[in-house]
Amino acid sequence: MVEKNFMYDENLDRLMIFNKLKEDEKVYGSVKILNLILDITTKNRIANIEIRNVSDYLKSMKKNFEILKTLTNASIIVQQIRGGFIMRVLLSGKNNSEEIPYSIPTKEEILITA
């Protein structure tokens, strides 16, 4: 059996995506940004992400929110940029895919990786 790295709760309209922790890291804390909750590890990696009201967010961006019902894979890509970072959540369904972009500015440069 293949273990999924995501969970969608239709009743709460929340999508959770889980990254595998490395042997030498633990979840250090959580940060709430926009409709996201990010769990950050002791190695400054994103361990987990929770997207609240994900179908509404997809609709607001004119993306196909129905993908959540046929979701087969989900992943996170983080790119550090000057003045913040860009995070993309990639969703794959049975017959389509969608990308959810987030641009998150920061006052100070921080290092976060997926």
PDB file of N, CA and C in Angstrom:
ATOM      1  N   MET A   1       0.834  -1.177   0.000  1.00  0.00           N
ATOM      2  CA  MET A   1       0.000   0.000   0.000  1.00  0.00           C
ATOM      3  C   MET A   1       0.888   1.254   0.000  1.00  0.00           C
ATOM      4  N   VAL A   2       0.581   2.216  -0.876  1.00  0.00           N
ATOM      5  CA  VAL A   2       1.327   3.464  -0.953  1.00  0.00           C
ATOM      6  C   VAL A   2       0.762   4.440   0.068  1.00  0.00           C
ATOM      7  N   GLU A   3       1.632   5.003   0.879  1.00  0.00           N
ATOM      8  CA  GLU A   3       1.212   5.961   1.895  1.00  0.00           C
ATOM      9  C   GLU A   3       1.061   7.343   1.267  1.00  0.00           C
ATOM     10  N   LYS A   4      -0.098   7.958   1.458  1.00  0.00           N
ATOM     11  CA  LYS A   4      -0.334   9.296   0.908  1.00  0.00           C
ATOM     12  C   LYS A   4       0.367  10.344   1.769  1.00  0.00           C
ATOM     13  N   ASN A   5       0.820  11.389   1.127  1.00  0.00           N
ATOM     14  CA  ASN A   5       1.475  12.493   1.842  1.00  0.00           C
ATOM     15  C   ASN A   5       0.533  13.684   2.011  1.00  0.00           C
ATOM     16  N   PHE A   6      -0.769  13.437   1.869  1.00  0.00           N
ATOM     17  CA  PHE A   6      -1.741  14.519   1.997  1.00  0.00           C
ATOM     18  C   PHE A   6      -3.041  13.972   2.569  1.00  0.00           C
ATOM     19  N   MET A   7      -3.883  14.901   3.032  1.00  0.00           N
ATOM     20  CA  MET A   7      -5.213  14.552   3.498  1.00  0.00           C
ATOM     21  C   MET A   7      -6.121  15.754   3.250  1.00  0.00           C
ATOM     22  N   TYR A   8      -7.246  15.519   2.624  1.00  0.00           N
ATOM     23  CA  TYR A   8      -8.227  16.583   2.414  1.00  0.00           C
ATOM     24  C   TYR A   8      -9.456  16.278   3.244  1.00  0.00           C
ATOM     25  N   ASP A   9      -9.852  17.216   4.090  1.00  0.00           N
ATOM     26  CA  ASP A   9     -11.056  17.107   4.902  1.00  0.00           C
ATOM     27  C   ASP A   9     -12.110  18.002   4.261  1.00  0.00           C
ATOM     28  N   GLU A  10     -13.048  17.363   3.572  1.00  0.00           N
ATOM     29  CA  GLU A  10     -14.069  18.115   2.843  1.00  0.00           C
ATOM     30  C   GLU A  10     -14.985  18.891   3.784  1.00  0.00           C
ATOM     31  N   ASN A  11     -15.305  18.326   4.945  1.00  0.00           N
ATOM     32  CA  ASN A  11     -16.200  19.003   5.900  1.00  0.00           C
ATOM     33  C   ASN A  11     -15.591  20.298   6.424  1.00  0.00           C
ATOM     34  N   LEU A  12     -14.305  20.298   6.712  1.00  0.00           N
ATOM     35  CA  LEU A  12     -13.623  21.502   7.202  1.00  0.00           C
ATOM     36  C   LEU A  12     -12.971  22.303   6.078  1.00  0.00           C
ATOM     37  N   ASP A  13     -12.970  21.752   4.866  1.00  0.00           N
ATOM     38  CA  ASP A  13     -12.344  22.365   3.692  1.00  0.00           C
ATOM     39  C   ASP A  13     -10.875  22.703   3.977  1.00  0.00           C
ATOM     40  N   ARG A  14     -10.154  21.696   4.460  1.00  0.00           N
ATOM     41  CA  ARG A  14      -8.731  21.855   4.774  1.00  0.00           C
ATOM     42  C   ARG A  14      -7.924  20.787   4.060  1.00  0.00           C
ATOM     43  N   LEU A  15      -6.825  21.222   3.490  1.00  0.00           N
ATOM     44  CA  LEU A  15      -5.880  20.311   2.848  1.00  0.00           C
ATOM     45  C   LEU A  15      -4.607  20.315   3.669  1.00  0.00           C
ATOM     46  N   MET A  16      -4.149  19.139   4.057  1.00  0.00           N
ATOM     47  CA  MET A  16      -2.889  19.002   4.773  1.00  0.00           C
ATOM     48  C   MET A  16      -1.919  18.229   3.884  1.00  0.00           C
ATOM     49  N   ILE A  17      -0.700  18.745   3.782  1.00  0.00           N
ATOM     50  CA  ILE A  17       0.359  18.083   3.020  1.00  0.00           C
ATOM     51  C   ILE A  17       1.511  17.841   3.978  1.00  0.00           C
ATOM     52  N   PHE A  18       2.021  16.619   3.961  1.00  0.00           N
ATOM     53  CA  PHE A  18       3.060  16.216   4.903  1.00  0.00           C
ATOM     54  C   PHE A  18       4.364  15.938   4.171  1.00  0.00           C
ATOM     55  N   ASN A  19       5.457  16.496   4.652  1.00  0.00           N
ATOM     56  CA  ASN A  19       6.799  16.176   4.168  1.00  0.00           C
ATOM     57  C   ASN A  19       7.423  15.219   5.165  1.00  0.00           C
ATOM     58  N   LYS A  20       8.207  14.278   4.669  1.00  0.00           N
ATOM     59  CA  LYS A  20       8.887  13.351   5.576  1.00  0.00           C
ATOM     60  C   LYS A  20       9.962  14.084   6.353  1.00  0.00           C
ATOM     61  N   LEU A  21       9.993  13.834   7.641  1.00  0.00           N
ATOM     62  CA  LEU A  21      11.055  14.397   8.466  1.00  0.00           C
ATOM     63  C   LEU A  21      12.331  13.599   8.256  1.00  0.00           C
ATOM     64  N   LYS A  22      13.448  14.304   8.235  1.00  0.00           N
ATOM     65  CA  LYS A  22      14.735  13.629   8.176  1.00  0.00           C
ATOM     66  C   LYS A  22      15.063  13.112   9.570  1.00  0.00           C
ATOM     67  N   GLU A  23      15.983  12.164   9.645  1.00  0.00           N
ATOM     68  CA  GLU A  23      16.322  11.541  10.926  1.00  0.00           C
ATOM     69  C   GLU A  23      16.751  12.535  11.988  1.00  0.00           C
ATOM     70  N   ASP A  24      17.462  13.585  11.573  1.00  0.00           N
ATOM     71  CA  ASP A  24      18.048  14.523  12.539  1.00  0.00           C
ATOM     72  C   ASP A  24      17.215  15.784  12.758  1.00  0.00           C
ATOM     73  N   GLU A  25      15.915  15.739  12.440  1.00  0.00           N
ATOM     74  CA  GLU A  25      15.101  16.933  12.636  1.00  0.00           C
ATOM     75  C   GLU A  25      13.773  16.610  13.304  1.00  0.00           C
ATOM     76  N   LYS A  26      13.211  17.634  13.918  1.00  0.00           N
ATOM     77  CA  LYS A  26      11.910  17.555  14.571  1.00  0.00           C
ATOM     78  C   LYS A  26      11.138  18.812  14.208  1.00  0.00           C
ATOM     79  N   VAL A  27       9.835  18.771  14.399  1.00  0.00           N
ATOM     80  CA  VAL A  27       9.027  19.973  14.192  1.00  0.00           C
ATOM     81  C   VAL A  27       9.353  20.934  15.327  1.00  0.00           C
ATOM     82  N   TYR A  28       9.737  22.152  14.953  1.00  0.00           N
ATOM     83  CA  TYR A  28      10.153  23.165  15.915  1.00  0.00           C
ATOM     84  C   TYR A  28       8.992  24.059  16.339  1.00  0.00           C
ATOM     85  N   GLY A  29       8.126  24.376  15.388  1.00  0.00           N
ATOM     86  CA  GLY A  29       7.003  25.257  15.687  1.00  0.00           C
ATOM     87  C   GLY A  29       6.139  25.473  14.464  1.00  0.00           C
ATOM     88  N   SER A  30       5.099  26.263  14.630  1.00  0.00           N
ATOM     89  CA  SER A  30       4.157  26.537  13.548  1.00  0.00           C
ATOM     90  C   SER A  30       4.039  28.031  13.324  1.00  0.00           C
ATOM     91  N   VAL A  31       3.737  28.382  12.073  1.00  0.00           N
ATOM     92  CA  VAL A  31       3.551  29.775  11.687  1.00  0.00           C
ATOM     93  C   VAL A  31       2.265  29.863  10.889  1.00  0.00           C
ATOM     94  N   LYS A  32       1.431  30.856  11.213  1.00  0.00           N
ATOM     95  CA  LYS A  32       0.216  31.088  10.437  1.00  0.00           C
ATOM     96  C   LYS A  32       0.456  32.275   9.518  1.00  0.00           C
ATOM     97  N   ILE A  33       0.270  32.044   8.215  1.00  0.00           N
ATOM     98  CA  ILE A  33       0.430  33.085   7.202  1.00  0.00           C
ATOM     99  C   ILE A  33      -0.760  32.960   6.245  1.00  0.00           C
ATOM    100  N   LEU A  34      -1.531  34.044   6.120  1.00  0.00           N
ATOM    101  CA  LEU A  34      -2.713  34.033   5.268  1.00  0.00           C
ATOM    102  C   LEU A  34      -3.624  32.887   5.698  1.00  0.00           C
ATOM    103  N   ASN A  35      -4.009  32.003   4.763  1.00  0.00           N
ATOM    104  CA  ASN A  35      -4.857  30.865   5.107  1.00  0.00           C
ATOM    105  C   ASN A  35      -4.031  29.589   5.288  1.00  0.00           C
ATOM    106  N   LEU A  36      -2.738  29.767   5.596  1.00  0.00           N
ATOM    107  CA  LEU A  36      -1.809  28.648   5.750  1.00  0.00           C
ATOM    108  C   LEU A  36      -1.350  28.492   7.188  1.00  0.00           C
ATOM    109  N   ILE A  37      -1.106  27.255   7.559  1.00  0.00           N
ATOM    110  CA  ILE A  37      -0.369  26.976   8.781  1.00  0.00           C
ATOM    111  C   ILE A  37       0.813  26.115   8.358  1.00  0.00           C
ATOM    112  N   LEU A  38       2.013  26.614   8.615  1.00  0.00           N
ATOM    113  CA  LEU A  38       3.238  25.909   8.244  1.00  0.00           C
ATOM    114  C   LEU A  38       3.897  25.376   9.501  1.00  0.00           C
ATOM    115  N   ASP A  39       4.229  24.089   9.506  1.00  0.00           N
ATOM    116  CA  ASP A  39       5.030  23.505  10.577  1.00  0.00           C
ATOM    117  C   ASP A  39       6.477  23.517  10.093  1.00  0.00           C
ATOM    118  N   ILE A  40       7.348  24.157  10.868  1.00  0.00           N
ATOM    119  CA  ILE A  40       8.749  24.325  10.488  1.00  0.00           C
ATOM    120  C   ILE A  40       9.607  23.402  11.349  1.00  0.00           C
ATOM    121  N   THR A  41      10.620  22.785  10.727  1.00  0.00           N
ATOM    122  CA  THR A  41      11.493  21.870  11.459  1.00  0.00           C
ATOM    123  C   THR A  41      12.685  22.614  12.051  1.00  0.00           C
ATOM    124  N   THR A  42      13.456  21.889  12.867  1.00  0.00           N
ATOM    125  CA  THR A  42      14.679  22.428  13.457  1.00  0.00           C
ATOM    126  C   THR A  42      15.737  22.715  12.396  1.00  0.00           C
ATOM    127  N   LYS A  43      15.538  22.211  11.167  1.00  0.00           N
ATOM    128  CA  LYS A  43      16.462  22.462  10.049  1.00  0.00           C
ATOM    129  C   LYS A  43      15.890  23.482   9.069  1.00  0.00           C
ATOM    130  N   ASN A  44      14.893  24.260   9.505  1.00  0.00           N
ATOM    131  CA  ASN A  44      14.235  25.288   8.684  1.00  0.00           C
ATOM    132  C   ASN A  44      13.595  24.742   7.412  1.00  0.00           C
ATOM    133  N   ARG A  45      13.052  23.556   7.507  1.00  0.00           N
ATOM    134  CA  ARG A  45      12.290  22.992   6.397  1.00  0.00           C
ATOM    135  C   ARG A  45      10.813  23.014   6.769  1.00  0.00           C
ATOM    136  N   ILE A  46       9.970  23.021   5.749  1.00  0.00           N
ATOM    137  CA  ILE A  46       8.536  22.901   5.995  1.00  0.00           C
ATOM    138  C   ILE A  46       8.236  21.421   6.182  1.00  0.00           C
ATOM    139  N   ALA A  47       7.756  21.076   7.371  1.00  0.00           N
ATOM    140  CA  ALA A  47       7.411  19.687   7.666  1.00  0.00           C
ATOM    141  C   ALA A  47       6.004  19.381   7.165  1.00  0.00           C
ATOM    142  N   ASN A  48       5.080  20.276   7.432  1.00  0.00           N
ATOM    143  CA  ASN A  48       3.681  20.090   7.054  1.00  0.00           C
ATOM    144  C   ASN A  48       3.092  21.450   6.698  1.00  0.00           C
ATOM    145  N   ILE A  49       2.068  21.399   5.873  1.00  0.00           N
ATOM    146  CA  ILE A  49       1.340  22.616   5.538  1.00  0.00           C
ATOM    147  C   ILE A  49      -0.149  22.304   5.614  1.00  0.00           C
ATOM    148  N   GLU A  50      -0.898  23.230   6.171  1.00  0.00           N
ATOM    149  CA  GLU A  50      -2.352  23.113   6.202  1.00  0.00           C
ATOM    150  C   GLU A  50      -2.912  24.329   5.485  1.00  0.00           C
ATOM    151  N   ILE A  51      -3.766  24.093   4.502  1.00  0.00           N
ATOM    152  CA  ILE A  51      -4.415  25.175   3.772  1.00  0.00           C
ATOM    153  C   ILE A  51      -5.881  25.166   4.175  1.00  0.00           C
ATOM    154  N   ARG A  52      -6.300  26.225   4.844  1.00  0.00           N
ATOM    155  CA  ARG A  52      -7.689  26.344   5.281  1.00  0.00           C
ATOM    156  C   ARG A  52      -8.532  26.969   4.173  1.00  0.00           C
ATOM    157  N   ASN A  53      -9.779  26.557   4.102  1.00  0.00           N
ATOM    158  CA  ASN A  53     -10.705  27.056   3.073  1.00  0.00           C
ATOM    159  C   ASN A  53     -10.100  26.911   1.682  1.00  0.00           C
ATOM    160  N   VAL A  54      -9.510  25.753   1.436  1.00  0.00           N
ATOM    161  CA  VAL A  54      -8.767  25.542   0.200  1.00  0.00           C
ATOM    162  C   VAL A  54      -9.653  25.604  -1.048  1.00  0.00           C
ATOM    163  N   SER A  55     -10.865  25.091  -1.001  1.00  0.00           N
ATOM    164  CA  SER A  55     -11.716  25.146  -2.199  1.00  0.00           C
ATOM    165  C   SER A  55     -12.106  26.586  -2.519  1.00  0.00           C
ATOM    166  N   ASP A  56     -12.398  27.383  -1.493  1.00  0.00           N
ATOM    167  CA  ASP A  56     -12.710  28.794  -1.722  1.00  0.00           C
ATOM    168  C   ASP A  56     -11.506  29.524  -2.315  1.00  0.00           C
ATOM    169  N   TYR A  57     -10.310  29.190  -1.816  1.00  0.00           N
ATOM    170  CA  TYR A  57      -9.099  29.822  -2.337  1.00  0.00           C
ATOM    171  C   TYR A  57      -8.892  29.449  -3.803  1.00  0.00           C
ATOM    172  N   LEU A  58      -9.085  28.182  -4.137  1.00  0.00           N
ATOM    173  CA  LEU A  58      -8.961  27.761  -5.535  1.00  0.00           C
ATOM    174  C   LEU A  58      -9.985  28.474  -6.414  1.00  0.00           C
ATOM    175  N   LYS A  59     -11.229  28.557  -5.951  1.00  0.00           N
ATOM    176  CA  LYS A  59     -12.280  29.260  -6.710  1.00  0.00           C
ATOM    177  C   LYS A  59     -11.904  30.723  -6.929  1.00  0.00           C
ATOM    178  N   SER A  60     -11.360  31.380  -5.898  1.00  0.00           N
ATOM    179  CA  SER A  60     -11.017  32.800  -6.010  1.00  0.00           C
ATOM    180  C   SER A  60      -9.927  33.037  -7.052  1.00  0.00           C
ATOM    181  N   MET A  61      -9.136  31.999  -7.314  1.00  0.00           N
ATOM    182  CA  MET A  61      -8.063  32.107  -8.309  1.00  0.00           C
ATOM    183  C   MET A  61      -8.480  31.517  -9.650  1.00  0.00           C
ATOM    184  N   LYS A  62      -9.767  31.199  -9.776  1.00  0.00           N
ATOM    185  CA  LYS A  62     -10.318  30.606 -10.992  1.00  0.00           C
ATOM    186  C   LYS A  62      -9.639  29.279 -11.337  1.00  0.00           C
ATOM    187  N   LYS A  63      -9.342  28.516 -10.294  1.00  0.00           N
ATOM    188  CA  LYS A  63      -8.764  27.179 -10.440  1.00  0.00           C
ATOM    189  C   LYS A  63      -9.871  26.155 -10.210  1.00  0.00           C
ATOM    190  N   ASN A  64      -9.663  24.948 -10.696  1.00  0.00           N
ATOM    191  CA  ASN A  64     -10.650  23.888 -10.559  1.00  0.00           C
ATOM    192  C   ASN A  64     -10.601  23.297  -9.154  1.00  0.00           C
ATOM    193  N   PHE A  65     -11.552  23.677  -8.314  1.00  0.00           N
ATOM    194  CA  PHE A  65     -11.578  23.184  -6.936  1.00  0.00           C
ATOM    195  C   PHE A  65     -12.036  21.734  -6.862  1.00  0.00           C
ATOM    196  N   GLU A  66     -12.647  21.213  -7.924  1.00  0.00           N
ATOM    197  CA  GLU A  66     -13.106  19.821  -7.947  1.00  0.00           C
ATOM    198  C   GLU A  66     -11.937  18.845  -7.880  1.00  0.00           C
ATOM    199  N   ILE A  67     -10.733  19.314  -8.168  1.00  0.00           N
ATOM    200  CA  ILE A  67      -9.556  18.449  -8.096  1.00  0.00           C
ATOM    201  C   ILE A  67      -9.392  17.859  -6.700  1.00  0.00           C
ATOM    202  N   LEU A  68      -9.879  18.556  -5.694  1.00  0.00           N
ATOM    203  CA  LEU A  68      -9.752  18.092  -4.310  1.00  0.00           C
ATOM    204  C   LEU A  68     -10.461  16.754  -4.086  1.00  0.00           C
ATOM    205  N   LYS A  69     -11.499  16.483  -4.875  1.00  0.00           N
ATOM    206  CA  LYS A  69     -12.260  15.245  -4.720  1.00  0.00           C
ATOM    207  C   LYS A  69     -11.562  14.043  -5.355  1.00  0.00           C
ATOM    208  N   THR A  70     -10.651  14.297  -6.290  1.00  0.00           N
ATOM    209  CA  THR A  70      -9.956  13.204  -6.981  1.00  0.00           C
ATOM    210  C   THR A  70      -8.441  13.285  -6.779  1.00  0.00           C
ATOM    211  N   LEU A  71      -8.025  13.949  -5.731  1.00  0.00           N
ATOM    212  CA  LEU A  71      -6.609  14.188  -5.479  1.00  0.00           C
ATOM    213  C   LEU A  71      -5.826  12.879  -5.346  1.00  0.00           C
ATOM    214  N   THR A  72      -4.724  12.791  -6.096  1.00  0.00           N
ATOM    215  CA  THR A  72      -3.860  11.608  -6.037  1.00  0.00           C
ATOM    216  C   THR A  72      -2.468  11.943  -5.505  1.00  0.00           C
ATOM    217  N   ASN A  73      -2.074  13.224  -5.586  1.00  0.00           N
ATOM    218  CA  ASN A  73      -0.756  13.628  -5.107  1.00  0.00           C
ATOM    219  C   ASN A  73      -0.764  15.128  -4.813  1.00  0.00           C
ATOM    220  N   ALA A  74       0.080  15.519  -3.857  1.00  0.00           N
ATOM    221  CA  ALA A  74       0.237  16.933  -3.509  1.00  0.00           C
ATOM    222  C   ALA A  74       1.678  17.151  -3.081  1.00  0.00           C
ATOM    223  N   SER A  75       2.254  18.280  -3.486  1.00  0.00           N
ATOM    224  CA  SER A  75       3.636  18.577  -3.102  1.00  0.00           C
ATOM    225  C   SER A  75       3.814  20.081  -2.940  1.00  0.00           C
ATOM    226  N   ILE A  76       4.924  20.445  -2.292  1.00  0.00           N
ATOM    227  CA  ILE A  76       5.233  21.836  -1.987  1.00  0.00           C
ATOM    228  C   ILE A  76       6.594  22.168  -2.586  1.00  0.00           C
ATOM    229  N   ILE A  77       6.678  23.316  -3.245  1.00  0.00           N
ATOM    230  CA  ILE A  77       7.959  23.820  -3.752  1.00  0.00           C
ATOM    231  C   ILE A  77       8.146  25.215  -3.164  1.00  0.00           C
ATOM    232  N   VAL A  78       9.297  25.452  -2.563  1.00  0.00           N
ATOM    233  CA  VAL A  78       9.591  26.747  -1.943  1.00  0.00           C
ATOM    234  C   VAL A  78      10.820  27.332  -2.615  1.00  0.00           C
ATOM    235  N   GLN A  79      10.718  28.620  -2.977  1.00  0.00           N
ATOM    236  CA  GLN A  79      11.838  29.320  -3.597  1.00  0.00           C
ATOM    237  C   GLN A  79      12.091  30.608  -2.832  1.00  0.00           C
ATOM    238  N   GLN A  80      13.293  30.740  -2.284  1.00  0.00           N
ATOM    239  CA  GLN A  80      13.680  31.957  -1.569  1.00  0.00           C
ATOM    240  C   GLN A  80      13.915  33.070  -2.592  1.00  0.00           C
ATOM    241  N   ILE A  81      13.338  34.226  -2.337  1.00  0.00           N
ATOM    242  CA  ILE A  81      13.578  35.397  -3.183  1.00  0.00           C
ATOM    243  C   ILE A  81      13.922  36.569  -2.277  1.00  0.00           C
ATOM    244  N   ARG A  82      14.495  37.593  -2.857  1.00  0.00           N
ATOM    245  CA  ARG A  82      14.802  38.783  -2.072  1.00  0.00           C
ATOM    246  C   ARG A  82      13.500  39.366  -1.550  1.00  0.00           C
ATOM    247  N   GLY A  83      13.432  39.623  -0.272  1.00  0.00           N
ATOM    248  CA  GLY A  83      12.237  40.203   0.321  1.00  0.00           C
ATOM    249  C   GLY A  83      11.143  39.201   0.661  1.00  0.00           C
ATOM    250  N   GLY A  84      11.436  37.901   0.617  1.00  0.00           N
ATOM    251  CA  GLY A  84      10.430  36.904   0.976  1.00  0.00           C
ATOM    252  C   GLY A  84      10.674  35.583   0.291  1.00  0.00           C
ATOM    253  N   PHE A  85       9.590  34.865   0.065  1.00  0.00           N
ATOM    254  CA  PHE A  85       9.713  33.618  -0.665  1.00  0.00           C
ATOM    255  C   PHE A  85       8.428  33.321  -1.412  1.00  0.00           C
ATOM    256  N   ILE A  86       8.550  32.483  -2.422  1.00  0.00           N
ATOM    257  CA  ILE A  86       7.414  32.029  -3.210  1.00  0.00           C
ATOM    258  C   ILE A  86       7.221  30.554  -2.902  1.00  0.00           C
ATOM    259  N   MET A  87       6.011  30.203  -2.585  1.00  0.00           N
ATOM    260  CA  MET A  87       5.694  28.810  -2.334  1.00  0.00           C
ATOM    261  C   MET A  87       4.621  28.391  -3.324  1.00  0.00           C
ATOM    262  N   ARG A  88       4.821  27.229  -3.924  1.00  0.00           N
ATOM    263  CA  ARG A  88       3.829  26.679  -4.845  1.00  0.00           C
ATOM    264  C   ARG A  88       3.379  25.325  -4.321  1.00  0.00           C
ATOM    265  N   VAL A  89       2.077  25.137  -4.270  1.00  0.00           N
ATOM    266  CA  VAL A  89       1.498  23.860  -3.892  1.00  0.00           C
ATOM    267  C   VAL A  89       0.993  23.226  -5.184  1.00  0.00           C
ATOM    268  N   LEU A  90       1.530  22.061  -5.506  1.00  0.00           N
ATOM    269  CA  LEU A  90       1.157  21.356  -6.731  1.00  0.00           C
ATOM    270  C   LEU A  90       0.184  20.244  -6.386  1.00  0.00           C
ATOM    271  N   LEU A  91      -0.975  20.260  -7.035  1.00  0.00           N
ATOM    272  CA  LEU A  91      -2.018  19.262  -6.798  1.00  0.00           C
ATOM    273  C   LEU A  91      -2.226  18.452  -8.073  1.00  0.00           C
ATOM    274  N   SER A  92      -2.278  17.139  -7.938  1.00  0.00           N
ATOM    275  CA  SER A  92      -2.548  16.256  -9.066  1.00  0.00           C
ATOM    276  C   SER A  92      -3.792  15.443  -8.763  1.00  0.00           C
ATOM    277  N   GLY A  93      -4.714  15.443  -9.725  1.00  0.00           N
ATOM    278  CA  GLY A  93      -5.927  14.639  -9.624  1.00  0.00           C
ATOM    279  C   GLY A  93      -5.882  13.532 -10.642  1.00  0.00           C
ATOM    280  N   LYS A  94      -6.974  12.808 -10.788  1.00  0.00           N
ATOM    281  CA  LYS A  94      -6.998  11.690 -11.737  1.00  0.00           C
ATOM    282  C   LYS A  94      -6.800  12.155 -13.173  1.00  0.00           C
ATOM    283  N   ASN A  95      -7.380  13.302 -13.541  1.00  0.00           N
ATOM    284  CA  ASN A  95      -7.315  13.755 -14.932  1.00  0.00           C
ATOM    285  C   ASN A  95      -6.784  15.169 -15.114  1.00  0.00           C
ATOM    286  N   ASN A  96      -6.337  15.799 -14.032  1.00  0.00           N
ATOM    287  CA  ASN A  96      -5.875  17.179 -14.167  1.00  0.00           C
ATOM    288  C   ASN A  96      -4.914  17.537 -13.041  1.00  0.00           C
ATOM    289  N   SER A  97      -4.386  18.738 -13.120  1.00  0.00           N
ATOM    290  CA  SER A  97      -3.502  19.233 -12.062  1.00  0.00           C
ATOM    291  C   SER A  97      -3.731  20.734 -11.906  1.00  0.00           C
ATOM    292  N   GLU A  98      -3.399  21.228 -10.744  1.00  0.00           N
ATOM    293  CA  GLU A  98      -3.524  22.655 -10.433  1.00  0.00           C
ATOM    294  C   GLU A  98      -2.317  23.068  -9.605  1.00  0.00           C
ATOM    295  N   GLU A  99      -1.996  24.343  -9.686  1.00  0.00           N
ATOM    296  CA  GLU A  99      -0.913  24.916  -8.892  1.00  0.00           C
ATOM    297  C   GLU A  99      -1.464  26.081  -8.088  1.00  0.00           C
ATOM    298  N   ILE A 100      -1.169  26.079  -6.798  1.00  0.00           N
ATOM    299  CA  ILE A 100      -1.591  27.178  -5.930  1.00  0.00           C
ATOM    300  C   ILE A 100      -0.342  27.982  -5.575  1.00  0.00           C
ATOM    301  N   PRO A 101      -0.238  29.208  -6.071  1.00  0.00           N
ATOM    302  CA  PRO A 101       0.940  30.020  -5.739  1.00  0.00           C
ATOM    303  C   PRO A 101       0.709  30.899  -4.514  1.00  0.00           C
ATOM    304  N   TYR A 102       1.752  31.088  -3.749  1.00  0.00           N
ATOM    305  CA  TYR A 102       1.746  32.016  -2.621  1.00  0.00           C
ATOM    306  C   TYR A 102       3.018  32.850  -2.698  1.00  0.00           C
ATOM    307  N   SER A 103       2.883  34.142  -2.592  1.00  0.00           N
ATOM    308  CA  SER A 103       4.024  35.041  -2.482  1.00  0.00           C
ATOM    309  C   SER A 103       3.981  35.615  -1.081  1.00  0.00           C
ATOM    310  N   ILE A 104       5.023  35.319  -0.294  1.00  0.00           N
ATOM    311  CA  ILE A 104       5.009  35.708   1.110  1.00  0.00           C
ATOM    312  C   ILE A 104       6.212  36.599   1.403  1.00  0.00           C
ATOM    313  N   PRO A 105       5.963  37.904   1.608  1.00  0.00           N
ATOM    314  CA  PRO A 105       7.073  38.812   1.915  1.00  0.00           C
ATOM    315  C   PRO A 105       7.513  38.664   3.369  1.00  0.00           C
ATOM    316  N   THR A 106       8.786  38.927   3.609  1.00  0.00           N
ATOM    317  CA  THR A 106       9.308  38.929   4.975  1.00  0.00           C
ATOM    318  C   THR A 106      10.148  40.187   5.171  1.00  0.00           C
ATOM    319  N   LYS A 107      10.210  40.660   6.395  1.00  0.00           N
ATOM    320  CA  LYS A 107      11.033  41.839   6.693  1.00  0.00           C
ATOM    321  C   LYS A 107      12.506  41.477   6.710  1.00  0.00           C
ATOM    322  N   GLU A 108      12.796  40.284   7.205  1.00  0.00           N
ATOM    323  CA  GLU A 108      14.174  39.823   7.274  1.00  0.00           C
ATOM    324  C   GLU A 108      14.302  38.585   6.430  1.00  0.00           C
ATOM    325  N   GLU A 109      15.489  38.345   5.878  1.00  0.00           N
ATOM    326  CA  GLU A 109      15.700  37.153   5.087  1.00  0.00           C
ATOM    327  C   GLU A 109      15.712  35.928   5.986  1.00  0.00           C
ATOM    328  N   ILE A 110      14.909  34.930   5.613  1.00  0.00           N
ATOM    329  CA  ILE A 110      14.890  33.681   6.357  1.00  0.00           C
ATOM    330  C   ILE A 110      15.123  32.556   5.349  1.00  0.00           C
ATOM    331  N   LEU A 111      15.552  31.432   5.825  1.00  0.00           N
ATOM    332  CA  LEU A 111      15.793  30.283   4.966  1.00  0.00           C
ATOM    333  C   LEU A 111      14.788  29.214   5.284  1.00  0.00           C
ATOM    334  N   ILE A 112      13.909  28.921   4.321  1.00  0.00           N
ATOM    335  CA  ILE A 112      12.927  27.862   4.484  1.00  0.00           C
ATOM    336  C   ILE A 112      12.972  27.019   3.217  1.00  0.00           C
ATOM    337  N   THR A 113      13.027  25.717   3.374  1.00  0.00           N
ATOM    338  CA  THR A 113      13.034  24.818   2.233  1.00  0.00           C
ATOM    339  C   THR A 113      11.929  23.788   2.397  1.00  0.00           C
ATOM    340  N   ALA A 114      11.529  23.196   1.299  1.00  0.00           N
ATOM    341  CA  ALA A 114      10.444  22.189   1.344  1.00  0.00           C
ATOM    342  C   ALA A 114      10.969  20.842   1.735  1.00  0.00           C
TER     343      ALA A 114
END
